[in-house]
Amino acid sequence: MKSKIHTTASVVIRLVLWFLLLAGGAAFSIARDWHAPLFHSFWFHLVSFAGGIVLTTLAFRAAGNGGRELSKGRVGDIPRLETNRLVTTGIYACMRHPMLFGLMLLPPGVAFLLGSPTFITIVAPLEMLFIAFMVLTLEEREVHRKFGQAHEKYKKEVPMVTFQRACLKQLFSKRKSPPGS
């Protein structure tokens, strides 16, 4: 039996935007770097690719760890990737936006995988700033609209992101899937 994935337009728009940012940044950067000597350096690509593996692995671990904890905020039959209960446990006790914080590593991860100097030095940092802007404006506003005073209290107690070692370890650690998943 084939199951459909139900989600909201807001989530679909964000996912499409993420894809367009990464694909567009890659295409622009490669076109710009095509004739640059560094872009054709085997050693640069070897080192760059290794860094890209590390960054993308961390980005996907953060998304997975944050997503597993965030799924505790889904009560009843609601669209996938949505919540109807404010999650303040696990990694969300350390920072309010752990998944997006981790996923900010995706643009530089892809840039390093491709070995594009333009993507690494210009496009990926701009995409990271754009992601931070989206969190500060849209994401925070949306969560506040859903959870009101509970979010205000949470916002006062928990930073948007943190670089505390214990929190980063929790965010980026390799987790085993629960039995039966």
N, C-alpha and C. Protein backbone atom coordinates (compact mmCIF):
# COMPACT_ATOMS: atom_id res chain seq x y z
N MET A 1 0.84 -1.17 0.00
CA MET A 1 0.00 0.00 0.00
C MET A 1 0.89 1.24 0.00
N LYS A 2 0.60 2.16 -0.88
CA LYS A 2 1.39 3.37 -1.00
C LYS A 2 0.77 4.46 -0.14
N SER A 3 1.59 5.09 0.73
CA SER A 3 1.05 6.15 1.57
C SER A 3 1.47 7.51 1.03
N LYS A 4 0.58 8.45 1.15
CA LYS A 4 0.87 9.81 0.72
C LYS A 4 1.50 10.58 1.86
N ILE A 5 2.37 11.50 1.51
CA ILE A 5 2.94 12.39 2.51
C ILE A 5 2.15 13.69 2.46
N HIS A 6 1.48 14.00 3.54
CA HIS A 6 0.71 15.24 3.62
C HIS A 6 1.53 16.27 4.37
N THR A 7 1.62 17.46 3.82
CA THR A 7 2.32 18.55 4.49
C THR A 7 1.68 19.87 4.06
N THR A 8 2.12 20.95 4.66
CA THR A 8 1.53 22.25 4.36
C THR A 8 2.27 22.93 3.23
N ALA A 9 1.61 23.91 2.63
CA ALA A 9 2.23 24.67 1.55
C ALA A 9 3.49 25.38 2.04
N SER A 10 3.47 25.86 3.27
CA SER A 10 4.62 26.56 3.84
C SER A 10 5.86 25.67 3.85
N VAL A 11 5.70 24.41 4.24
CA VAL A 11 6.81 23.46 4.28
C VAL A 11 7.30 23.17 2.87
N VAL A 12 6.38 22.96 1.94
CA VAL A 12 6.74 22.68 0.55
C VAL A 12 7.52 23.85 -0.04
N ILE A 13 7.06 25.06 0.20
CA ILE A 13 7.72 26.25 -0.31
C ILE A 13 9.15 26.34 0.25
N ARG A 14 9.32 26.07 1.53
CA ARG A 14 10.66 26.12 2.13
C ARG A 14 11.58 25.06 1.53
N LEU A 15 11.07 23.86 1.32
CA LEU A 15 11.88 22.80 0.73
C LEU A 15 12.29 23.13 -0.70
N VAL A 16 11.37 23.67 -1.48
CA VAL A 16 11.68 24.07 -2.85
C VAL A 16 12.70 25.20 -2.84
N LEU A 17 12.53 26.15 -1.94
CA LEU A 17 13.47 27.26 -1.82
C LEU A 17 14.87 26.76 -1.47
N TRP A 18 14.97 25.79 -0.54
CA TRP A 18 16.26 25.20 -0.18
C TRP A 18 16.91 24.59 -1.40
N PHE A 19 16.14 23.80 -2.15
CA PHE A 19 16.67 23.14 -3.34
C PHE A 19 17.15 24.18 -4.36
N LEU A 20 16.34 25.21 -4.60
CA LEU A 20 16.71 26.24 -5.57
C LEU A 20 17.98 26.99 -5.14
N LEU A 21 18.09 27.28 -3.85
CA LEU A 21 19.29 27.94 -3.35
C LEU A 21 20.54 27.10 -3.62
N LEU A 22 20.47 25.82 -3.26
CA LEU A 22 21.63 24.95 -3.44
C LEU A 22 21.94 24.72 -4.92
N ALA A 23 20.93 24.40 -5.70
CA ALA A 23 21.15 24.13 -7.13
C ALA A 23 21.58 25.39 -7.87
N GLY A 24 20.93 26.49 -7.59
CA GLY A 24 21.28 27.76 -8.24
C GLY A 24 22.67 28.23 -7.84
N GLY A 25 22.99 28.11 -6.56
CA GLY A 25 24.33 28.49 -6.10
C GLY A 25 25.40 27.64 -6.73
N ALA A 26 25.13 26.34 -6.85
CA ALA A 26 26.09 25.43 -7.47
C ALA A 26 26.29 25.77 -8.94
N ALA A 27 25.20 25.94 -9.67
CA ALA A 27 25.30 26.24 -11.11
C ALA A 27 26.03 27.56 -11.36
N PHE A 28 25.64 28.58 -10.63
CA PHE A 28 26.29 29.89 -10.78
C PHE A 28 27.79 29.80 -10.47
N SER A 29 28.11 29.14 -9.37
CA SER A 29 29.50 29.07 -8.92
C SER A 29 30.37 28.25 -9.86
N ILE A 30 29.87 27.13 -10.31
CA ILE A 30 30.65 26.30 -11.23
C ILE A 30 30.88 27.03 -12.54
N ALA A 31 29.85 27.70 -13.04
CA ALA A 31 30.01 28.48 -14.27
C ALA A 31 31.06 29.57 -14.08
N ARG A 32 31.05 30.20 -12.94
CA ARG A 32 32.01 31.28 -12.66
C ARG A 32 33.43 30.73 -12.47
N ASP A 33 33.55 29.53 -11.88
CA ASP A 33 34.86 28.96 -11.58
C ASP A 33 35.44 28.09 -12.69
N TRP A 34 34.68 27.82 -13.73
CA TRP A 34 35.05 26.83 -14.73
C TRP A 34 36.47 27.00 -15.27
N HIS A 35 36.89 28.22 -15.47
CA HIS A 35 38.22 28.47 -16.05
C HIS A 35 39.27 28.84 -15.00
N ALA A 36 38.90 28.81 -13.74
CA ALA A 36 39.85 29.14 -12.67
C ALA A 36 40.77 27.95 -12.41
N PRO A 37 42.07 28.18 -12.29
CA PRO A 37 43.01 27.08 -12.07
C PRO A 37 42.71 26.26 -10.80
N LEU A 38 42.30 26.91 -9.73
CA LEU A 38 42.03 26.20 -8.48
C LEU A 38 40.89 25.19 -8.65
N PHE A 39 39.91 25.52 -9.48
CA PHE A 39 38.78 24.63 -9.71
C PHE A 39 39.22 23.32 -10.37
N HIS A 40 40.33 23.35 -11.07
CA HIS A 40 40.82 22.16 -11.76
C HIS A 40 41.99 21.48 -11.04
N SER A 41 42.23 21.88 -9.80
CA SER A 41 43.31 21.29 -9.01
C SER A 41 42.85 20.01 -8.32
N PHE A 42 43.49 18.89 -8.62
CA PHE A 42 43.15 17.61 -8.00
C PHE A 42 43.27 17.69 -6.48
N TRP A 43 44.35 18.27 -5.98
CA TRP A 43 44.60 18.31 -4.54
C TRP A 43 43.59 19.19 -3.81
N PHE A 44 43.24 20.31 -4.44
CA PHE A 44 42.21 21.17 -3.85
C PHE A 44 40.89 20.40 -3.74
N HIS A 45 40.52 19.69 -4.80
CA HIS A 45 39.27 18.93 -4.79
C HIS A 45 39.30 17.80 -3.77
N LEU A 46 40.43 17.16 -3.62
CA LEU A 46 40.56 16.07 -2.66
C LEU A 46 40.31 16.57 -1.24
N VAL A 47 40.99 17.65 -0.87
CA VAL A 47 40.83 18.23 0.47
C VAL A 47 39.42 18.81 0.64
N SER A 48 38.97 19.53 -0.37
CA SER A 48 37.65 20.15 -0.34
C SER A 48 36.55 19.09 -0.19
N PHE A 49 36.66 18.02 -0.95
CA PHE A 49 35.65 16.96 -0.90
C PHE A 49 35.57 16.34 0.49
N ALA A 50 36.71 16.11 1.11
CA ALA A 50 36.73 15.55 2.47
C ALA A 50 36.02 16.49 3.44
N GLY A 51 36.29 17.78 3.32
CA GLY A 51 35.60 18.76 4.17
C GLY A 51 34.10 18.78 3.91
N GLY A 52 33.73 18.63 2.65
CA GLY A 52 32.31 18.61 2.29
C GLY A 52 31.58 17.41 2.89
N ILE A 53 32.26 16.26 2.90
CA ILE A 53 31.66 15.06 3.51
C ILE A 53 31.38 15.31 4.99
N VAL A 54 32.36 15.89 5.68
CA VAL A 54 32.19 16.17 7.11
C VAL A 54 31.03 17.14 7.34
N LEU A 55 30.99 18.24 6.61
CA LEU A 55 29.94 19.25 6.81
C LEU A 55 28.55 18.72 6.47
N THR A 56 28.42 18.01 5.35
CA THR A 56 27.08 17.50 4.99
C THR A 56 26.64 16.41 5.98
N THR A 57 27.57 15.60 6.45
CA THR A 57 27.22 14.59 7.46
C THR A 57 26.69 15.27 8.72
N LEU A 58 27.38 16.32 9.17
CA LEU A 58 26.93 17.05 10.36
C LEU A 58 25.56 17.70 10.12
N ALA A 59 25.36 18.26 8.93
CA ALA A 59 24.07 18.90 8.61
C ALA A 59 22.93 17.89 8.67
N PHE A 60 23.13 16.71 8.09
CA PHE A 60 22.07 15.71 8.09
C PHE A 60 21.86 15.07 9.46
N ARG A 61 22.93 14.95 10.23
CA ARG A 61 22.75 14.46 11.61
C ARG A 61 21.92 15.44 12.42
N ALA A 62 22.22 16.73 12.27
CA ALA A 62 21.46 17.74 13.00
C ALA A 62 19.99 17.69 12.59
N ALA A 63 19.74 17.56 11.31
CA ALA A 63 18.35 17.49 10.83
C ALA A 63 17.66 16.25 11.40
N GLY A 64 18.35 15.13 11.39
CA GLY A 64 17.77 13.89 11.91
C GLY A 64 17.52 13.95 13.40
N ASN A 65 18.51 14.40 14.15
CA ASN A 65 18.37 14.49 15.61
C ASN A 65 17.30 15.49 16.01
N GLY A 66 17.31 16.64 15.36
CA GLY A 66 16.28 17.64 15.65
C GLY A 66 14.90 17.17 15.23
N GLY A 67 14.83 16.52 14.08
CA GLY A 67 13.55 16.02 13.59
C GLY A 67 12.94 14.96 14.48
N ARG A 68 13.79 14.05 14.99
CA ARG A 68 13.29 13.02 15.90
C ARG A 68 12.68 13.64 17.15
N GLU A 69 13.37 14.64 17.70
CA GLU A 69 12.85 15.30 18.90
C GLU A 69 11.61 16.12 18.57
N LEU A 70 11.63 16.80 17.43
CA LEU A 70 10.50 17.63 17.03
C LEU A 70 9.24 16.80 16.77
N SER A 71 9.41 15.56 16.36
CA SER A 71 8.25 14.71 16.09
C SER A 71 7.41 14.48 17.36
N LYS A 72 7.99 14.72 18.52
CA LYS A 72 7.24 14.61 19.77
C LYS A 72 6.18 15.70 19.88
N GLY A 73 6.28 16.72 19.04
CA GLY A 73 5.32 17.81 19.03
C GLY A 73 4.15 17.57 18.10
N ARG A 74 4.07 16.37 17.53
CA ARG A 74 2.96 16.01 16.63
C ARG A 74 1.97 15.15 17.40
N VAL A 75 0.83 15.71 17.70
CA VAL A 75 -0.21 14.98 18.40
C VAL A 75 -1.43 14.92 17.48
N GLY A 76 -1.91 13.71 17.22
CA GLY A 76 -3.07 13.54 16.35
C GLY A 76 -2.67 13.49 14.89
N ASP A 77 -3.64 13.66 14.03
CA ASP A 77 -3.43 13.56 12.59
C ASP A 77 -3.17 14.95 12.02
N ILE A 78 -1.90 15.33 12.00
CA ILE A 78 -1.53 16.63 11.43
C ILE A 78 -0.51 16.40 10.32
N PRO A 79 -0.32 17.39 9.44
CA PRO A 79 0.60 17.22 8.32
C PRO A 79 2.04 16.92 8.78
N ARG A 80 2.72 16.14 7.96
CA ARG A 80 4.12 15.80 8.22
C ARG A 80 4.95 17.08 8.31
N LEU A 81 5.96 17.07 9.14
CA LEU A 81 6.87 18.20 9.36
C LEU A 81 6.20 19.38 10.04
N GLU A 82 5.03 19.17 10.61
CA GLU A 82 4.33 20.20 11.36
C GLU A 82 4.21 19.75 12.81
N THR A 83 3.99 20.69 13.70
CA THR A 83 3.79 20.37 15.12
C THR A 83 2.55 21.10 15.62
N ASN A 84 1.96 20.56 16.67
CA ASN A 84 0.85 21.26 17.32
C ASN A 84 1.07 21.33 18.83
N ARG A 85 2.33 21.01 19.21
CA ARG A 85 2.73 21.13 20.61
C ARG A 85 4.17 21.66 20.62
N LEU A 86 4.43 22.66 21.45
CA LEU A 86 5.76 23.24 21.55
C LEU A 86 6.73 22.23 22.16
N VAL A 87 7.81 21.97 21.45
CA VAL A 87 8.81 21.01 21.93
C VAL A 87 9.94 21.78 22.61
N THR A 88 10.19 21.44 23.88
CA THR A 88 11.23 22.12 24.65
C THR A 88 12.16 21.11 25.33
N THR A 89 12.14 19.88 24.85
CA THR A 89 12.95 18.82 25.45
C THR A 89 14.11 18.44 24.53
N GLY A 90 15.01 17.61 25.03
CA GLY A 90 16.14 17.15 24.23
C GLY A 90 16.97 18.32 23.74
N ILE A 91 17.32 18.31 22.48
CA ILE A 91 18.14 19.38 21.89
C ILE A 91 17.39 20.71 21.92
N TYR A 92 16.07 20.68 21.96
CA TYR A 92 15.28 21.91 22.02
C TYR A 92 15.34 22.57 23.40
N ALA A 93 15.91 21.90 24.38
CA ALA A 93 16.17 22.51 25.68
C ALA A 93 17.45 23.34 25.62
N CYS A 94 18.28 23.08 24.61
CA CYS A 94 19.55 23.81 24.42
C CYS A 94 19.39 25.01 23.50
N MET A 95 18.63 24.82 22.42
CA MET A 95 18.47 25.87 21.41
C MET A 95 17.12 25.73 20.74
N ARG A 96 16.57 26.86 20.30
CA ARG A 96 15.23 26.86 19.71
C ARG A 96 15.20 26.34 18.28
N HIS A 97 16.29 26.47 17.54
CA HIS A 97 16.27 26.08 16.12
C HIS A 97 17.45 25.18 15.77
N PRO A 98 17.54 24.03 16.41
CA PRO A 98 18.70 23.16 16.17
C PRO A 98 18.77 22.60 14.75
N MET A 99 17.62 22.25 14.17
CA MET A 99 17.64 21.69 12.82
C MET A 99 18.14 22.72 11.81
N LEU A 100 17.62 23.92 11.90
CA LEU A 100 18.02 24.96 10.96
C LEU A 100 19.47 25.38 11.20
N PHE A 101 19.89 25.38 12.46
CA PHE A 101 21.28 25.68 12.76
C PHE A 101 22.19 24.66 12.09
N GLY A 102 21.84 23.40 12.23
CA GLY A 102 22.63 22.35 11.60
C GLY A 102 22.57 22.41 10.08
N LEU A 103 21.38 22.68 9.56
CA LEU A 103 21.22 22.73 8.11
C LEU A 103 21.90 23.95 7.48
N MET A 104 22.28 24.91 8.31
CA MET A 104 23.07 26.03 7.77
C MET A 104 24.43 25.53 7.27
N LEU A 105 24.82 24.33 7.70
CA LEU A 105 26.07 23.74 7.22
C LEU A 105 25.92 23.11 5.84
N LEU A 106 24.70 22.97 5.36
CA LEU A 106 24.50 22.33 4.06
C LEU A 106 25.07 23.14 2.89
N PRO A 107 24.83 24.45 2.80
CA PRO A 107 25.44 25.18 1.68
C PRO A 107 26.97 25.08 1.64
N PRO A 108 27.69 25.31 2.75
CA PRO A 108 29.14 25.14 2.64
C PRO A 108 29.52 23.68 2.41
N GLY A 109 28.74 22.75 2.93
CA GLY A 109 29.02 21.34 2.68
C GLY A 109 28.95 21.00 1.20
N VAL A 110 27.90 21.46 0.55
CA VAL A 110 27.75 21.23 -0.90
C VAL A 110 28.86 21.97 -1.65
N ALA A 111 29.17 23.17 -1.21
CA ALA A 111 30.22 23.96 -1.87
C ALA A 111 31.56 23.23 -1.81
N PHE A 112 31.89 22.69 -0.64
CA PHE A 112 33.15 21.95 -0.51
C PHE A 112 33.11 20.64 -1.30
N LEU A 113 31.96 19.96 -1.33
CA LEU A 113 31.85 18.74 -2.13
C LEU A 113 32.14 19.03 -3.60
N LEU A 114 31.62 20.15 -4.08
CA LEU A 114 31.81 20.53 -5.49
C LEU A 114 33.19 21.13 -5.74
N GLY A 115 33.84 21.58 -4.70
CA GLY A 115 35.16 22.19 -4.86
C GLY A 115 35.12 23.49 -5.62
N SER A 116 34.08 24.27 -5.40
CA SER A 116 33.92 25.54 -6.10
C SER A 116 34.36 26.70 -5.21
N PRO A 117 35.48 27.35 -5.54
CA PRO A 117 35.94 28.48 -4.73
C PRO A 117 34.89 29.58 -4.57
N THR A 118 34.15 29.88 -5.63
CA THR A 118 33.12 30.91 -5.54
C THR A 118 32.00 30.49 -4.60
N PHE A 119 31.59 29.24 -4.69
CA PHE A 119 30.54 28.74 -3.81
C PHE A 119 31.03 28.76 -2.35
N ILE A 120 32.27 28.34 -2.13
CA ILE A 120 32.82 28.27 -0.78
C ILE A 120 32.95 29.65 -0.15
N THR A 121 33.47 30.61 -0.90
CA THR A 121 33.81 31.92 -0.32
C THR A 121 32.72 32.98 -0.43
N ILE A 122 31.83 32.85 -1.40
CA ILE A 122 30.83 33.91 -1.61
C ILE A 122 29.40 33.39 -1.46
N VAL A 123 29.03 32.41 -2.27
CA VAL A 123 27.63 31.98 -2.34
C VAL A 123 27.17 31.28 -1.07
N ALA A 124 27.93 30.31 -0.57
CA ALA A 124 27.51 29.58 0.65
C ALA A 124 27.35 30.52 1.84
N PRO A 125 28.30 31.43 2.10
CA PRO A 125 28.07 32.36 3.22
C PRO A 125 26.82 33.22 3.04
N LEU A 126 26.53 33.64 1.80
CA LEU A 126 25.32 34.42 1.55
C LEU A 126 24.07 33.56 1.80
N GLU A 127 24.12 32.30 1.38
CA GLU A 127 22.99 31.41 1.61
C GLU A 127 22.79 31.17 3.10
N MET A 128 23.88 31.05 3.84
CA MET A 128 23.79 30.87 5.29
C MET A 128 23.14 32.09 5.95
N LEU A 129 23.51 33.28 5.50
CA LEU A 129 22.88 34.50 6.02
C LEU A 129 21.39 34.54 5.69
N PHE A 130 21.06 34.11 4.48
CA PHE A 130 19.66 34.07 4.08
C PHE A 130 18.87 33.11 4.97
N ILE A 131 19.45 31.95 5.27
CA ILE A 131 18.80 30.98 6.15
C ILE A 131 18.59 31.59 7.53
N ALA A 132 19.61 32.25 8.05
CA ALA A 132 19.49 32.89 9.37
C ALA A 132 18.39 33.95 9.35
N PHE A 133 18.32 34.72 8.27
CA PHE A 133 17.27 35.73 8.12
C PHE A 133 15.89 35.09 8.11
N MET A 134 15.76 33.96 7.40
CA MET A 134 14.47 33.26 7.34
C MET A 134 14.06 32.78 8.74
N VAL A 135 15.02 32.29 9.51
CA VAL A 135 14.71 31.83 10.86
C VAL A 135 14.27 33.01 11.72
N LEU A 136 15.03 34.10 11.66
CA LEU A 136 14.72 35.26 12.49
C LEU A 136 13.37 35.88 12.15
N THR A 137 12.99 35.83 10.90
CA THR A 137 11.73 36.48 10.51
C THR A 137 10.58 35.50 10.45
N LEU A 138 10.61 34.58 9.51
CA LEU A 138 9.47 33.71 9.28
C LEU A 138 9.29 32.65 10.37
N GLU A 139 10.33 31.91 10.65
CA GLU A 139 10.23 30.77 11.58
C GLU A 139 9.81 31.22 12.98
N GLU A 140 10.48 32.24 13.51
CA GLU A 140 10.15 32.73 14.86
C GLU A 140 8.72 33.26 14.91
N ARG A 141 8.32 33.98 13.87
CA ARG A 141 6.97 34.54 13.83
C ARG A 141 5.91 33.43 13.77
N GLU A 142 6.19 32.42 12.96
CA GLU A 142 5.26 31.31 12.82
C GLU A 142 5.10 30.53 14.13
N VAL A 143 6.21 30.27 14.80
CA VAL A 143 6.15 29.55 16.08
C VAL A 143 5.41 30.38 17.13
N HIS A 144 5.67 31.68 17.14
CA HIS A 144 4.97 32.55 18.10
C HIS A 144 3.46 32.55 17.83
N ARG A 145 3.09 32.60 16.57
CA ARG A 145 1.67 32.60 16.21
C ARG A 145 0.99 31.31 16.69
N LYS A 146 1.70 30.19 16.58
CA LYS A 146 1.12 28.90 16.98
C LYS A 146 1.04 28.73 18.49
N PHE A 147 2.08 29.20 19.21
CA PHE A 147 2.19 28.85 20.63
C PHE A 147 2.14 30.03 21.59
N GLY A 148 2.06 31.25 21.09
CA GLY A 148 1.84 32.45 21.90
C GLY A 148 2.73 32.61 23.12
N GLN A 149 2.08 32.70 24.30
CA GLN A 149 2.80 32.95 25.55
C GLN A 149 3.79 31.85 25.92
N ALA A 150 3.45 30.60 25.58
CA ALA A 150 4.38 29.49 25.86
C ALA A 150 5.68 29.70 25.10
N HIS A 151 5.56 30.17 23.87
CA HIS A 151 6.76 30.45 23.07
C HIS A 151 7.53 31.64 23.63
N GLU A 152 6.83 32.65 24.08
CA GLU A 152 7.49 33.82 24.67
C GLU A 152 8.33 33.41 25.88
N LYS A 153 7.77 32.58 26.73
CA LYS A 153 8.48 32.09 27.91
C LYS A 153 9.70 31.27 27.48
N TYR A 154 9.50 30.37 26.55
CA TYR A 154 10.57 29.52 26.02
C TYR A 154 11.68 30.38 25.40
N LYS A 155 11.29 31.40 24.68
CA LYS A 155 12.23 32.30 24.01
C LYS A 155 13.13 33.03 25.02
N LYS A 156 12.57 33.35 26.17
CA LYS A 156 13.34 34.03 27.22
C LYS A 156 14.34 33.09 27.89
N GLU A 157 14.02 31.80 27.91
CA GLU A 157 14.85 30.82 28.61
C GLU A 157 15.88 30.12 27.73
N VAL A 158 15.61 30.02 26.44
CA VAL A 158 16.45 29.21 25.54
C VAL A 158 16.90 30.06 24.35
N PRO A 159 18.22 30.10 24.08
CA PRO A 159 18.70 30.90 22.96
C PRO A 159 18.31 30.29 21.60
N MET A 160 18.32 31.10 20.58
CA MET A 160 18.00 30.63 19.24
C MET A 160 18.98 29.52 18.82
N VAL A 161 20.26 29.77 19.04
CA VAL A 161 21.31 28.76 18.83
C VAL A 161 22.33 28.92 19.94
N THR A 162 23.16 27.91 20.11
CA THR A 162 24.22 27.98 21.10
C THR A 162 25.43 27.20 20.60
N PHE A 163 26.58 27.56 21.10
CA PHE A 163 27.80 26.86 20.74
C PHE A 163 28.36 26.10 21.95
N GLN A 164 27.50 25.85 22.94
CA GLN A 164 27.93 25.08 24.10
C GLN A 164 28.27 23.66 23.66
N ARG A 165 29.40 23.19 24.13
CA ARG A 165 29.91 21.89 23.70
C ARG A 165 28.89 20.76 23.87
N ALA A 166 28.24 20.70 25.03
CA ALA A 166 27.27 19.62 25.30
C ALA A 166 26.09 19.67 24.32
N CYS A 167 25.66 20.87 24.00
CA CYS A 167 24.54 21.02 23.05
C CYS A 167 24.96 20.62 21.64
N LEU A 168 26.15 21.04 21.23
CA LEU A 168 26.64 20.68 19.89
C LEU A 168 26.85 19.18 19.78
N LYS A 169 27.33 18.58 20.86
CA LYS A 169 27.53 17.13 20.86
C LYS A 169 26.18 16.43 20.69
N GLN A 170 25.17 16.90 21.39
CA GLN A 170 23.84 16.32 21.28
C GLN A 170 23.27 16.52 19.86
N LEU A 171 23.50 17.68 19.29
CA LEU A 171 22.98 18.01 17.97
C LEU A 171 23.62 17.15 16.88
N PHE A 172 24.93 16.97 16.96
CA PHE A 172 25.65 16.32 15.87
C PHE A 172 26.01 14.86 16.12
N SER A 173 25.57 14.29 17.26
CA SER A 173 25.94 12.91 17.56
C SER A 173 25.21 11.94 16.64
N LYS A 174 25.84 10.81 16.42
CA LYS A 174 25.23 9.77 15.61
C LYS A 174 24.24 9.02 16.48
N ARG A 175 23.01 8.96 16.06
CA ARG A 175 21.96 8.29 16.83
C ARG A 175 21.52 7.03 16.11
N LYS A 176 21.23 6.02 16.88
CA LYS A 176 20.68 4.80 16.30
C LYS A 176 19.18 4.96 16.16
N SER A 177 18.66 4.39 15.10
CA SER A 177 17.21 4.42 14.91
C SER A 177 16.55 3.49 15.91
N PRO A 178 15.39 3.89 16.41
CA PRO A 178 14.67 3.02 17.34
C PRO A 178 14.25 1.73 16.64
N PRO A 179 14.11 0.64 17.40
CA PRO A 179 13.69 -0.63 16.80
C PRO A 179 12.36 -0.48 16.06
N GLY A 180 12.27 -1.14 14.93
CA GLY A 180 11.04 -1.13 14.16
C GLY A 180 10.88 0.05 13.23
N SER A 181 11.92 0.92 13.14
CA SER A 181 11.78 2.06 12.22
C SER A 181 12.55 1.85 10.96
